[in-house]
Amino acid sequence: MRRHTFDTGVRVRASACGGSSLIEVMLAVALVAVSALGLIATQVWAAREARAMSLRESAAWIADSIAEATRTPSAGDAAVNQWNAWASVLLPHGDASIGGSGAVAAARVTWASVRDRPAAGDGIGPPAEPCGDVDAPAGSSCVALAFAK
């Protein structure tokens, strides 16, 4: 059975709504792009912080090992030299040393911190931070562990 279509006289204008859907699609694509860039930036930040945490953990481990090794007077200098070699292997431009005199000393481990370095055109770098009894050079990070001899 065939149905006949009756013309009611009302014409639907399809072209009146056509442009708004294109604008909505463009806005949706822009929103997705901005959200994706935000997620990528968050992942990069998390990776940098994880790397910095790993370096701090290695430095604290080396400082603790130096403090433990200097408790035996016979192995003091050899142990510091050995852990200084480990610091240069495990940390970028790593250096381990012992500072202080008397009954209290400090095992200090410094390394180059890429995050804190000044940019190429900067005239003024970040100020030196105290590390134990001396200032750590600008652009470096430091862990100092005080111990009793």
C-alpha atoms as a PDB file:
ATOM      1  CA  MET A   1       0.000   0.000   0.000  1.00  0.00           C
ATOM      2  CA  ARG A   2       1.382   3.293  -1.034  1.00  0.00           C
ATOM      3  CA  ARG A   3       1.004   6.368   1.086  1.00  0.00           C
ATOM      4  CA  HIS A   4       0.707   9.733  -0.475  1.00  0.00           C
ATOM      5  CA  THR A   5       2.624  12.648   0.892  1.00  0.00           C
ATOM      6  CA  PHE A   6       0.607  15.769   1.359  1.00  0.00           C
ATOM      7  CA  ASP A   7       2.177  19.164   1.067  1.00  0.00           C
ATOM      8  CA  THR A   8       1.204  21.080   4.170  1.00  0.00           C
ATOM      9  CA  GLY A   9       2.744  24.287   2.979  1.00  0.00           C
ATOM     10  CA  VAL A  10       5.431  24.342   5.669  1.00  0.00           C
ATOM     11  CA  ARG A  11       8.910  24.308   4.303  1.00  0.00           C
ATOM     12  CA  VAL A  12      11.748  23.244   6.531  1.00  0.00           C
ATOM     13  CA  ARG A  13      14.914  25.196   6.042  1.00  0.00           C
ATOM     14  CA  ALA A  14      17.858  22.842   6.496  1.00  0.00           C
ATOM     15  CA  SER A  15      20.425  25.467   5.630  1.00  0.00           C
ATOM     16  CA  ALA A  16      19.607  27.615   8.667  1.00  0.00           C
ATOM     17  CA  CYS A  17      21.195  25.111  11.124  1.00  0.00           C
ATOM     18  CA  GLY A  18      24.069  23.930   8.918  1.00  0.00           C
ATOM     19  CA  GLY A  19      26.774  26.352  10.090  1.00  0.00           C
ATOM     20  CA  SER A  20      26.310  25.906  13.815  1.00  0.00           C
ATOM     21  CA  SER A  21      27.283  22.232  13.752  1.00  0.00           C
ATOM     22  CA  LEU A  22      30.590  23.085  12.048  1.00  0.00           C
ATOM     23  CA  ILE A  23      31.382  25.639  14.762  1.00  0.00           C
ATOM     24  CA  GLU A  24      30.536  23.077  17.436  1.00  0.00           C
ATOM     25  CA  VAL A  25      32.873  20.542  15.829  1.00  0.00           C
ATOM     26  CA  MET A  26      35.689  23.115  15.643  1.00  0.00           C
ATOM     27  CA  LEU A  27      35.209  24.012  19.305  1.00  0.00           C
ATOM     28  CA  ALA A  28      35.206  20.333  20.280  1.00  0.00           C
ATOM     29  CA  VAL A  29      38.426  19.691  18.357  1.00  0.00           C
ATOM     30  CA  ALA A  30      40.056  22.744  19.964  1.00  0.00           C
ATOM     31  CA  LEU A  31      38.970  21.584  23.426  1.00  0.00           C
ATOM     32  CA  VAL A  32      40.344  18.083  22.838  1.00  0.00           C
ATOM     33  CA  ALA A  33      43.639  19.549  21.559  1.00  0.00           C
ATOM     34  CA  VAL A  34      44.063  21.804  24.586  1.00  0.00           C
ATOM     35  CA  SER A  35      43.213  18.927  26.933  1.00  0.00           C
ATOM     36  CA  ALA A  36      45.725  16.652  25.191  1.00  0.00           C
ATOM     37  CA  LEU A  37      48.449  19.304  25.489  1.00  0.00           C
ATOM     38  CA  GLY A  38      47.648  19.651  29.185  1.00  0.00           C
ATOM     39  CA  LEU A  39      47.958  15.901  29.693  1.00  0.00           C
ATOM     40  CA  ILE A  40      51.265  15.811  27.823  1.00  0.00           C
ATOM     41  CA  ALA A  41      52.628  18.689  29.928  1.00  0.00           C
ATOM     42  CA  THR A  42      51.563  16.888  33.092  1.00  0.00           C
ATOM     43  CA  GLN A  43      53.336  13.704  32.004  1.00  0.00           C
ATOM     44  CA  VAL A  44      56.530  15.608  31.183  1.00  0.00           C
ATOM     45  CA  TRP A  45      56.441  17.354  34.568  1.00  0.00           C
ATOM     46  CA  ALA A  46      55.882  14.018  36.351  1.00  0.00           C
ATOM     47  CA  ALA A  47      58.820  12.436  34.496  1.00  0.00           C
ATOM     48  CA  ARG A  48      61.127  15.339  35.431  1.00  0.00           C
ATOM     49  CA  GLU A  49      60.114  15.193  39.066  1.00  0.00           C
ATOM     50  CA  ALA A  50      60.587  11.418  39.138  1.00  0.00           C
ATOM     51  CA  ARG A  51      64.105  11.860  37.747  1.00  0.00           C
ATOM     52  CA  ALA A  52      64.897  14.562  40.320  1.00  0.00           C
ATOM     53  CA  MET A  53      63.567  12.335  43.100  1.00  0.00           C
ATOM     54  CA  SER A  54      65.718   9.453  41.871  1.00  0.00           C
ATOM     55  CA  LEU A  55      68.812  11.663  41.936  1.00  0.00           C
ATOM     56  CA  ARG A  56      68.009  12.903  45.461  1.00  0.00           C
ATOM     57  CA  GLU A  57      67.504   9.320  46.609  1.00  0.00           C
ATOM     58  CA  SER A  58      70.870   8.246  45.171  1.00  0.00           C
ATOM     59  CA  ALA A  59      72.588  11.237  46.776  1.00  0.00           C
ATOM     60  CA  ALA A  60      71.048  10.480  50.173  1.00  0.00           C
ATOM     61  CA  TRP A  61      72.107   6.841  49.846  1.00  0.00           C
ATOM     62  CA  ILE A  62      75.697   7.873  49.040  1.00  0.00           C
ATOM     63  CA  ALA A  63      75.795  10.388  51.940  1.00  0.00           C
ATOM     64  CA  ASP A  64      74.512   7.730  54.341  1.00  0.00           C
ATOM     65  CA  SER A  65      77.102   5.245  53.068  1.00  0.00           C
ATOM     66  CA  ILE A  66      79.887   7.790  53.577  1.00  0.00           C
ATOM     67  CA  ALA A  67      78.691   8.441  57.137  1.00  0.00           C
ATOM     68  CA  GLU A  68      78.640   4.706  57.868  1.00  0.00           C
ATOM     69  CA  ALA A  69      82.049   4.123  56.272  1.00  0.00           C
ATOM     70  CA  THR A  70      83.781   6.870  58.258  1.00  0.00           C
ATOM     71  CA  ARG A  71      82.756   5.283  61.534  1.00  0.00           C
ATOM     72  CA  THR A  72      85.714   2.954  61.112  1.00  0.00           C
ATOM     73  CA  PRO A  73      88.815   5.157  61.162  1.00  0.00           C
ATOM     74  CA  SER A  74      90.966   2.728  59.158  1.00  0.00           C
ATOM     75  CA  ALA A  75      88.718   2.802  56.076  1.00  0.00           C
ATOM     76  CA  GLY A  76      87.752   6.492  56.190  1.00  0.00           C
ATOM     77  CA  ASP A  77      89.681   8.071  53.284  1.00  0.00           C
ATOM     78  CA  ALA A  78      89.493   5.025  51.027  1.00  0.00           C
ATOM     79  CA  ALA A  79      85.725   4.804  51.547  1.00  0.00           C
ATOM     80  CA  VAL A  80      85.232   8.492  50.774  1.00  0.00           C
ATOM     81  CA  ASN A  81      87.231   8.091  47.553  1.00  0.00           C
ATOM     82  CA  GLN A  82      85.192   5.019  46.610  1.00  0.00           C
ATOM     83  CA  TRP A  83      81.855   6.761  47.257  1.00  0.00           C
ATOM     84  CA  ASN A  84      83.054   9.874  45.430  1.00  0.00           C
ATOM     85  CA  ALA A  85      83.669   7.641  42.407  1.00  0.00           C
ATOM     86  CA  TRP A  86      80.151   6.197  42.793  1.00  0.00           C
ATOM     87  CA  ALA A  87      78.713   9.708  43.016  1.00  0.00           C
ATOM     88  CA  SER A  88      80.371  10.680  39.742  1.00  0.00           C
ATOM     89  CA  VAL A  89      78.902   7.562  38.097  1.00  0.00           C
ATOM     90  CA  LEU A  90      75.368   7.737  39.517  1.00  0.00           C
ATOM     91  CA  LEU A  91      74.829  11.509  39.492  1.00  0.00           C
ATOM     92  CA  PRO A  92      75.471  14.075  36.734  1.00  0.00           C
ATOM     93  CA  HIS A  93      78.717  15.845  37.737  1.00  0.00           C
ATOM     94  CA  GLY A  94      78.379  14.202  41.161  1.00  0.00           C
ATOM     95  CA  ASP A  95      80.814  14.924  43.959  1.00  0.00           C
ATOM     96  CA  ALA A  96      80.929  13.505  47.485  1.00  0.00           C
ATOM     97  CA  SER A  97      82.929  14.933  50.361  1.00  0.00           C
ATOM     98  CA  ILE A  98      83.094  15.218  54.122  1.00  0.00           C
ATOM     99  CA  GLY A  99      83.003  18.580  55.844  1.00  0.00           C
ATOM    100  CA  GLY A 100      83.131  19.743  59.425  1.00  0.00           C
ATOM    101  CA  SER A 101      85.547  19.232  62.261  1.00  0.00           C
ATOM    102  CA  GLY A 102      85.432  17.988  65.769  1.00  0.00           C
ATOM    103  CA  ALA A 103      82.891  15.421  66.898  1.00  0.00           C
ATOM    104  CA  VAL A 104      80.277  16.319  64.287  1.00  0.00           C
ATOM    105  CA  ALA A 105      80.873  16.037  60.553  1.00  0.00           C
ATOM    106  CA  ALA A 106      78.687  16.248  57.466  1.00  0.00           C
ATOM    107  CA  ALA A 107      78.680  14.018  54.416  1.00  0.00           C
ATOM    108  CA  ARG A 108      77.878  16.228  51.443  1.00  0.00           C
ATOM    109  CA  VAL A 109      76.886  15.097  47.941  1.00  0.00           C
ATOM    110  CA  THR A 110      76.406  17.655  45.163  1.00  0.00           C
ATOM    111  CA  TRP A 111      75.331  17.166  41.551  1.00  0.00           C
ATOM    112  CA  ALA A 112      74.318  19.250  38.558  1.00  0.00           C
ATOM    113  CA  SER A 113      70.625  20.005  38.583  1.00  0.00           C
ATOM    114  CA  VAL A 114      69.355  20.630  35.066  1.00  0.00           C
ATOM    115  CA  ARG A 115      66.058  22.030  36.348  1.00  0.00           C
ATOM    116  CA  ASP A 116      67.741  24.780  38.390  1.00  0.00           C
ATOM    117  CA  ARG A 117      70.264  25.927  35.807  1.00  0.00           C
ATOM    118  CA  PRO A 118      69.846  29.484  34.489  1.00  0.00           C
ATOM    119  CA  ALA A 119      68.886  29.928  30.849  1.00  0.00           C
ATOM    120  CA  ALA A 120      71.516  30.864  28.262  1.00  0.00           C
ATOM    121  CA  GLY A 121      70.633  34.588  28.203  1.00  0.00           C
ATOM    122  CA  ASP A 122      70.116  35.137  31.924  1.00  0.00           C
ATOM    123  CA  GLY A 123      72.467  37.618  33.524  1.00  0.00           C
ATOM    124  CA  ILE A 124      71.737  36.577  37.077  1.00  0.00           C
ATOM    125  CA  GLY A 125      71.674  32.960  38.139  1.00  0.00           C
ATOM    126  CA  PRO A 126      69.856  31.565  41.149  1.00  0.00           C
ATOM    127  CA  PRO A 127      71.572  32.245  44.467  1.00  0.00           C
ATOM    128  CA  ALA A 128      73.747  29.597  46.044  1.00  0.00           C
ATOM    129  CA  GLU A 129      71.974  27.397  48.554  1.00  0.00           C
ATOM    130  CA  PRO A 130      73.554  26.378  51.839  1.00  0.00           C
ATOM    131  CA  CYS A 131      74.699  22.775  51.929  1.00  0.00           C
ATOM    132  CA  GLY A 132      76.200  21.740  55.194  1.00  0.00           C
ATOM    133  CA  ASP A 133      78.876  24.258  56.093  1.00  0.00           C
ATOM    134  CA  VAL A 134      79.445  25.634  52.560  1.00  0.00           C
ATOM    135  CA  ASP A 135      77.289  27.050  49.781  1.00  0.00           C
ATOM    136  CA  ALA A 136      76.426  24.766  46.889  1.00  0.00           C
ATOM    137  CA  PRO A 137      77.301  26.298  43.526  1.00  0.00           C
ATOM    138  CA  ALA A 138      74.491  27.839  41.504  1.00  0.00           C
ATOM    139  CA  GLY A 139      72.806  25.300  39.243  1.00  0.00           C
ATOM    140  CA  SER A 140      73.524  22.366  41.503  1.00  0.00           C
ATOM    141  CA  SER A 141      71.605  20.401  44.080  1.00  0.00           C
ATOM    142  CA  CYS A 142      72.939  19.104  47.341  1.00  0.00           C
ATOM    143  CA  VAL A 143      72.287  16.605  50.127  1.00  0.00           C
ATOM    144  CA  ALA A 144      74.079  17.049  53.453  1.00  0.00           C
ATOM    145  CA  LEU A 145      73.899  14.475  56.240  1.00  0.00           C
ATOM    146  CA  ALA A 146      75.313  15.360  59.667  1.00  0.00           C
ATOM    147  CA  PHE A 147      76.750  12.549  61.751  1.00  0.00           C
ATOM    148  CA  ALA A 148      78.839  12.032  64.866  1.00  0.00           C
ATOM    149  CA  LYS A 149      82.349  10.687  64.403  1.00  0.00           C
END
